[in-house]
Amino acid sequence: MLCACIAFWGITPQLVAQENLVSEGTTEIKDMEFRDRTDLTEVVVPEGVTRIGKYAFYNCTNMTSIKLPSSLISIDDYAFLNCSKLSTITLPENLEAIGTNVFVYALSGQQEIIIPDKVKSIGPSAFGYAPSATRVKLGKSVENISYAFAYCDQLEYYEVAKDNPKYCSVDGVLFSKDMKKLYHYPAAKAGTAYKLPDGTTIVDGNFPFYLCRAWKRSTSTTSLS
């Protein structure tokens, strides 16, 4: 028995591409279902799956790609946390919700993050520490992004669908639709100073100027409560 155990010590599981990892007819990937599967490299989630559960692919550190189905509606908290080799992803058009910390320490090659038009909510730090993200495009239905992009230190610009009723973007900075509230100033936006637009009287409390290194706040900015 001891010899049998020793025979397996130090063996690294063979890395595999997985097109049939999820069975046809599956409607959801359960919480933690593929957690710590370091053998996975390329995953195809079949049509019919509507939900990816919490921690579903957490710590799949060798996964380089995943194809998501058009049927997907929600990606739950921490689903792809620490998938450090997952460089890019395309979010399907029917997606409605993205949870907390979903892509933290992932998406190392994604410069533009496009949020589809049906997405309504994006959880805190959903795209935290995406090291290459320079531009975010928000669809028309987003009504809550919390501080989903606050830790993206290369972010330069927000673009918001014109018919989004909650948010707008002015010169790449994210505001409420009526321009009374500033939500987030991209961390890597060029410039050494910033003056709030006339009529903006509120600065959101969730890291609105976090990681901004290139400028000093003006008197009008720092005087707001």
Protein backbone atom coordinates (compact mmCIF):
# COMPACT_ATOMS: atom_id res chain seq x y z
CA MET A 1 0.00 0.00 0.00
CA LEU A 2 2.83 2.38 0.83
CA CYS A 3 4.50 1.74 -2.53
CA ALA A 4 1.29 2.45 -4.38
CA CYS A 5 1.03 5.84 -2.69
CA ILE A 6 4.64 6.72 -3.44
CA ALA A 7 4.11 5.90 -7.12
CA PHE A 8 1.72 8.86 -7.47
CA TRP A 9 3.76 11.44 -5.62
CA GLY A 10 5.02 14.31 -7.73
CA ILE A 11 2.94 13.49 -10.79
CA THR A 12 1.33 16.51 -12.47
CA PRO A 13 -2.08 15.81 -14.08
CA GLN A 14 -1.96 15.93 -17.88
CA LEU A 15 -3.28 19.20 -19.22
CA VAL A 16 -6.30 18.66 -21.43
CA ALA A 17 -8.65 20.59 -23.67
CA GLN A 18 -12.25 20.01 -22.60
CA GLU A 19 -14.98 20.41 -25.19
CA ASN A 20 -17.19 17.81 -23.52
CA LEU A 21 -16.52 18.74 -19.92
CA VAL A 22 -20.15 19.78 -19.41
CA SER A 23 -22.76 17.28 -20.57
CA GLU A 24 -25.33 18.25 -23.19
CA GLY A 25 -28.65 19.05 -21.55
CA THR A 26 -27.03 20.67 -18.52
CA THR A 27 -28.74 23.91 -17.51
CA GLU A 28 -26.34 25.09 -14.83
CA ILE A 29 -22.79 24.61 -13.65
CA LYS A 30 -23.06 24.10 -9.93
CA ASP A 31 -21.20 26.00 -7.22
CA MET A 32 -17.56 24.84 -6.98
CA GLU A 33 -18.15 22.15 -9.62
CA PHE A 34 -14.75 22.48 -11.30
CA ARG A 35 -12.88 24.26 -8.54
CA ASP A 36 -9.09 23.67 -8.50
CA ARG A 37 -9.14 21.69 -11.77
CA THR A 38 -5.60 22.51 -12.85
CA ASP A 39 -5.83 19.96 -15.68
CA LEU A 40 -8.26 22.13 -17.64
CA THR A 41 -6.94 24.29 -20.48
CA GLU A 42 -9.73 25.01 -22.99
CA VAL A 43 -13.38 24.73 -21.98
CA VAL A 44 -16.54 24.92 -24.06
CA VAL A 45 -19.77 25.44 -22.11
CA PRO A 46 -22.64 24.00 -24.20
CA GLU A 47 -25.81 25.78 -25.24
CA GLY A 48 -28.61 25.43 -22.69
CA VAL A 49 -26.50 26.39 -19.69
CA THR A 50 -28.06 29.49 -18.10
CA ARG A 51 -26.00 29.83 -14.92
CA ILE A 52 -22.39 29.42 -13.86
CA GLY A 53 -22.33 28.99 -10.08
CA LYS A 54 -20.16 30.45 -7.35
CA TYR A 55 -16.50 29.37 -7.48
CA ALA A 56 -17.41 27.12 -10.43
CA PHE A 57 -13.98 27.46 -12.07
CA TYR A 58 -12.11 28.96 -9.14
CA ASN A 59 -8.35 28.45 -9.26
CA CYS A 60 -8.30 26.67 -12.63
CA THR A 61 -4.87 28.14 -13.09
CA ASN A 62 -4.05 26.48 -16.44
CA MET A 63 -7.30 27.34 -18.21
CA THR A 64 -6.42 29.56 -21.19
CA SER A 65 -9.85 29.90 -22.81
CA ILE A 66 -13.54 29.32 -22.20
CA LYS A 67 -16.39 29.65 -24.68
CA LEU A 68 -19.65 30.75 -23.12
CA PRO A 69 -23.05 29.87 -24.65
CA SER A 70 -25.62 32.38 -25.89
CA SER A 71 -28.07 30.88 -23.37
CA LEU A 72 -26.04 32.09 -20.36
CA ILE A 73 -27.94 34.50 -18.09
CA SER A 74 -25.81 34.78 -14.96
CA ILE A 75 -22.22 34.32 -13.83
CA ASP A 76 -22.15 34.07 -10.05
CA ASP A 77 -19.63 35.29 -7.48
CA TYR A 78 -15.97 34.18 -7.80
CA ALA A 79 -16.76 31.95 -10.79
CA PHE A 80 -13.40 32.56 -12.50
CA LEU A 81 -11.40 33.94 -9.60
CA ASN A 82 -7.67 33.26 -9.93
CA CYS A 83 -7.91 31.79 -13.43
CA SER A 84 -4.62 33.49 -14.06
CA LYS A 85 -4.02 32.16 -17.60
CA LEU A 86 -7.49 33.10 -18.85
CA SER A 87 -6.44 36.03 -21.01
CA THR A 88 -9.68 37.08 -22.75
CA ILE A 89 -13.38 36.30 -22.72
CA THR A 90 -16.44 37.20 -24.80
CA LEU A 91 -19.59 37.79 -22.77
CA PRO A 92 -22.76 36.48 -24.47
CA GLU A 93 -25.56 38.83 -25.51
CA ASN A 94 -28.21 37.30 -23.22
CA LEU A 95 -26.15 37.71 -20.05
CA GLU A 96 -27.99 39.68 -17.35
CA ALA A 97 -25.88 39.48 -14.18
CA ILE A 98 -22.19 39.32 -13.29
CA GLY A 99 -21.39 38.62 -9.65
CA THR A 100 -18.72 39.72 -7.19
CA ASN A 101 -15.01 39.09 -7.89
CA VAL A 102 -15.86 36.99 -10.95
CA PHE A 103 -12.73 37.69 -13.00
CA VAL A 104 -10.26 38.76 -10.33
CA TYR A 105 -6.67 38.02 -11.37
CA ALA A 106 -7.84 36.95 -14.82
CA LEU A 107 -8.22 38.51 -18.29
CA SER A 108 -4.56 39.44 -18.56
CA GLY A 109 -4.85 40.09 -22.30
CA GLN A 110 -8.22 41.87 -22.46
CA GLN A 111 -7.87 45.55 -23.37
CA GLU A 112 -11.53 46.26 -24.03
CA ILE A 113 -14.29 44.95 -21.78
CA ILE A 114 -17.69 44.99 -23.48
CA ILE A 115 -20.74 44.60 -21.25
CA PRO A 116 -23.72 43.35 -23.31
CA ASP A 117 -26.96 45.30 -23.47
CA LYS A 118 -28.97 42.91 -21.29
CA VAL A 119 -26.62 43.01 -18.31
CA LYS A 120 -28.31 44.81 -15.41
CA SER A 121 -25.87 44.36 -12.54
CA ILE A 122 -22.12 43.90 -12.12
CA GLY A 123 -20.85 43.01 -8.67
CA PRO A 124 -18.05 44.64 -6.66
CA SER A 125 -14.60 44.05 -8.15
CA ALA A 126 -16.08 41.79 -10.81
CA PHE A 127 -13.18 42.70 -13.10
CA GLY A 128 -10.73 43.46 -10.32
CA TYR A 129 -7.07 43.74 -11.23
CA ALA A 130 -7.60 43.05 -14.94
CA PRO A 131 -4.08 44.18 -15.83
CA SER A 132 -4.60 45.10 -19.49
CA ALA A 133 -8.09 46.63 -19.47
CA THR A 134 -7.95 50.17 -20.86
CA ARG A 135 -11.55 50.68 -21.99
CA VAL A 136 -14.98 49.64 -20.70
CA LYS A 137 -18.16 49.74 -22.77
CA LEU A 138 -21.38 49.59 -20.75
CA GLY A 139 -24.62 48.45 -22.38
CA LYS A 140 -27.99 50.12 -22.17
CA SER A 141 -29.44 48.07 -19.27
CA VAL A 142 -26.65 48.37 -16.68
CA GLU A 143 -28.09 49.93 -13.55
CA ASN A 144 -25.57 48.88 -10.90
CA ILE A 145 -21.83 48.45 -11.35
CA SER A 146 -20.77 49.17 -7.77
CA TYR A 147 -16.94 49.38 -7.94
CA ALA A 148 -16.59 46.63 -10.54
CA PHE A 149 -13.65 48.31 -12.31
CA ALA A 150 -12.06 50.28 -9.47
CA TYR A 151 -8.94 48.10 -9.32
CA CYS A 152 -8.20 48.21 -13.07
CA ASP A 153 -5.12 50.40 -12.86
CA GLN A 154 -4.69 50.67 -16.66
CA LEU A 155 -8.26 51.82 -17.30
CA GLU A 156 -8.43 54.99 -19.42
CA TYR A 157 -11.98 55.37 -20.63
CA TYR A 158 -15.65 54.50 -20.05
CA GLU A 159 -18.12 54.41 -22.90
CA VAL A 160 -21.83 54.14 -22.08
CA ALA A 161 -24.74 53.34 -24.40
CA LYS A 162 -26.65 56.56 -25.08
CA ASP A 163 -29.96 55.01 -24.07
CA ASN A 164 -28.71 53.80 -20.67
CA PRO A 165 -31.06 55.49 -18.14
CA LYS A 166 -28.67 55.28 -15.15
CA TYR A 167 -25.17 56.17 -16.37
CA CYS A 168 -23.38 58.35 -18.87
CA SER A 169 -19.78 59.02 -19.80
CA VAL A 170 -18.20 62.43 -20.33
CA ASP A 171 -14.65 62.47 -21.66
CA GLY A 172 -14.29 58.89 -20.44
CA VAL A 173 -15.39 59.58 -16.85
CA LEU A 174 -18.42 57.71 -15.47
CA PHE A 175 -21.33 59.84 -14.20
CA SER A 176 -24.97 59.47 -13.30
CA LYS A 177 -27.29 60.21 -16.21
CA ASP A 178 -28.14 63.66 -14.84
CA MET A 179 -24.44 64.44 -14.28
CA LYS A 180 -25.02 65.19 -10.59
CA LYS A 181 -22.89 62.30 -9.38
CA LEU A 182 -19.41 61.16 -10.38
CA TYR A 183 -19.03 57.40 -10.03
CA HIS A 184 -15.53 56.63 -11.29
CA TYR A 185 -12.58 58.44 -12.79
CA PRO A 186 -10.47 55.89 -14.73
CA ALA A 187 -7.19 55.28 -12.97
CA ALA A 188 -4.96 55.67 -16.03
CA LYS A 189 -6.79 58.55 -17.72
CA ALA A 190 -4.34 61.14 -19.00
CA GLY A 191 -4.07 64.48 -17.24
CA THR A 192 -2.55 65.99 -14.12
CA ALA A 193 -5.69 67.62 -12.67
CA TYR A 194 -9.45 67.33 -12.89
CA LYS A 195 -12.20 69.87 -12.33
CA LEU A 196 -15.70 68.58 -11.75
CA PRO A 197 -18.29 69.69 -14.31
CA ASP A 198 -20.78 72.35 -13.31
CA GLY A 199 -23.76 70.69 -11.65
CA THR A 200 -21.85 67.68 -10.29
CA THR A 201 -22.36 67.86 -6.54
CA ILE A 202 -21.77 64.28 -5.39
CA VAL A 203 -18.70 62.08 -5.57
CA ASP A 204 -19.55 58.41 -5.09
CA GLY A 205 -18.06 56.81 -1.99
CA ASN A 206 -16.85 53.60 -3.66
CA PHE A 207 -13.30 54.50 -4.73
CA PRO A 208 -14.16 57.21 -7.33
CA PHE A 209 -10.52 58.31 -7.70
CA TYR A 210 -8.81 55.13 -6.53
CA LEU A 211 -5.36 54.45 -8.03
CA CYS A 212 -5.31 57.76 -9.95
CA ARG A 213 -1.64 58.66 -9.88
CA ALA A 214 -1.23 61.25 -12.66
CA TRP A 215 -3.08 64.24 -11.22
CA LYS A 216 -3.81 66.22 -8.11
CA ARG A 217 -7.37 66.90 -7.10
CA SER A 218 -8.58 70.43 -7.60
CA THR A 219 -10.01 72.53 -4.78
CA SER A 220 -13.55 72.06 -6.13
CA THR A 221 -13.12 68.27 -6.06
CA THR A 222 -11.75 68.00 -2.56
CA SER A 223 -14.35 70.36 -1.11
CA LEU A 224 -17.24 68.04 -1.96
CA SER A 225 -18.66 65.84 0.77
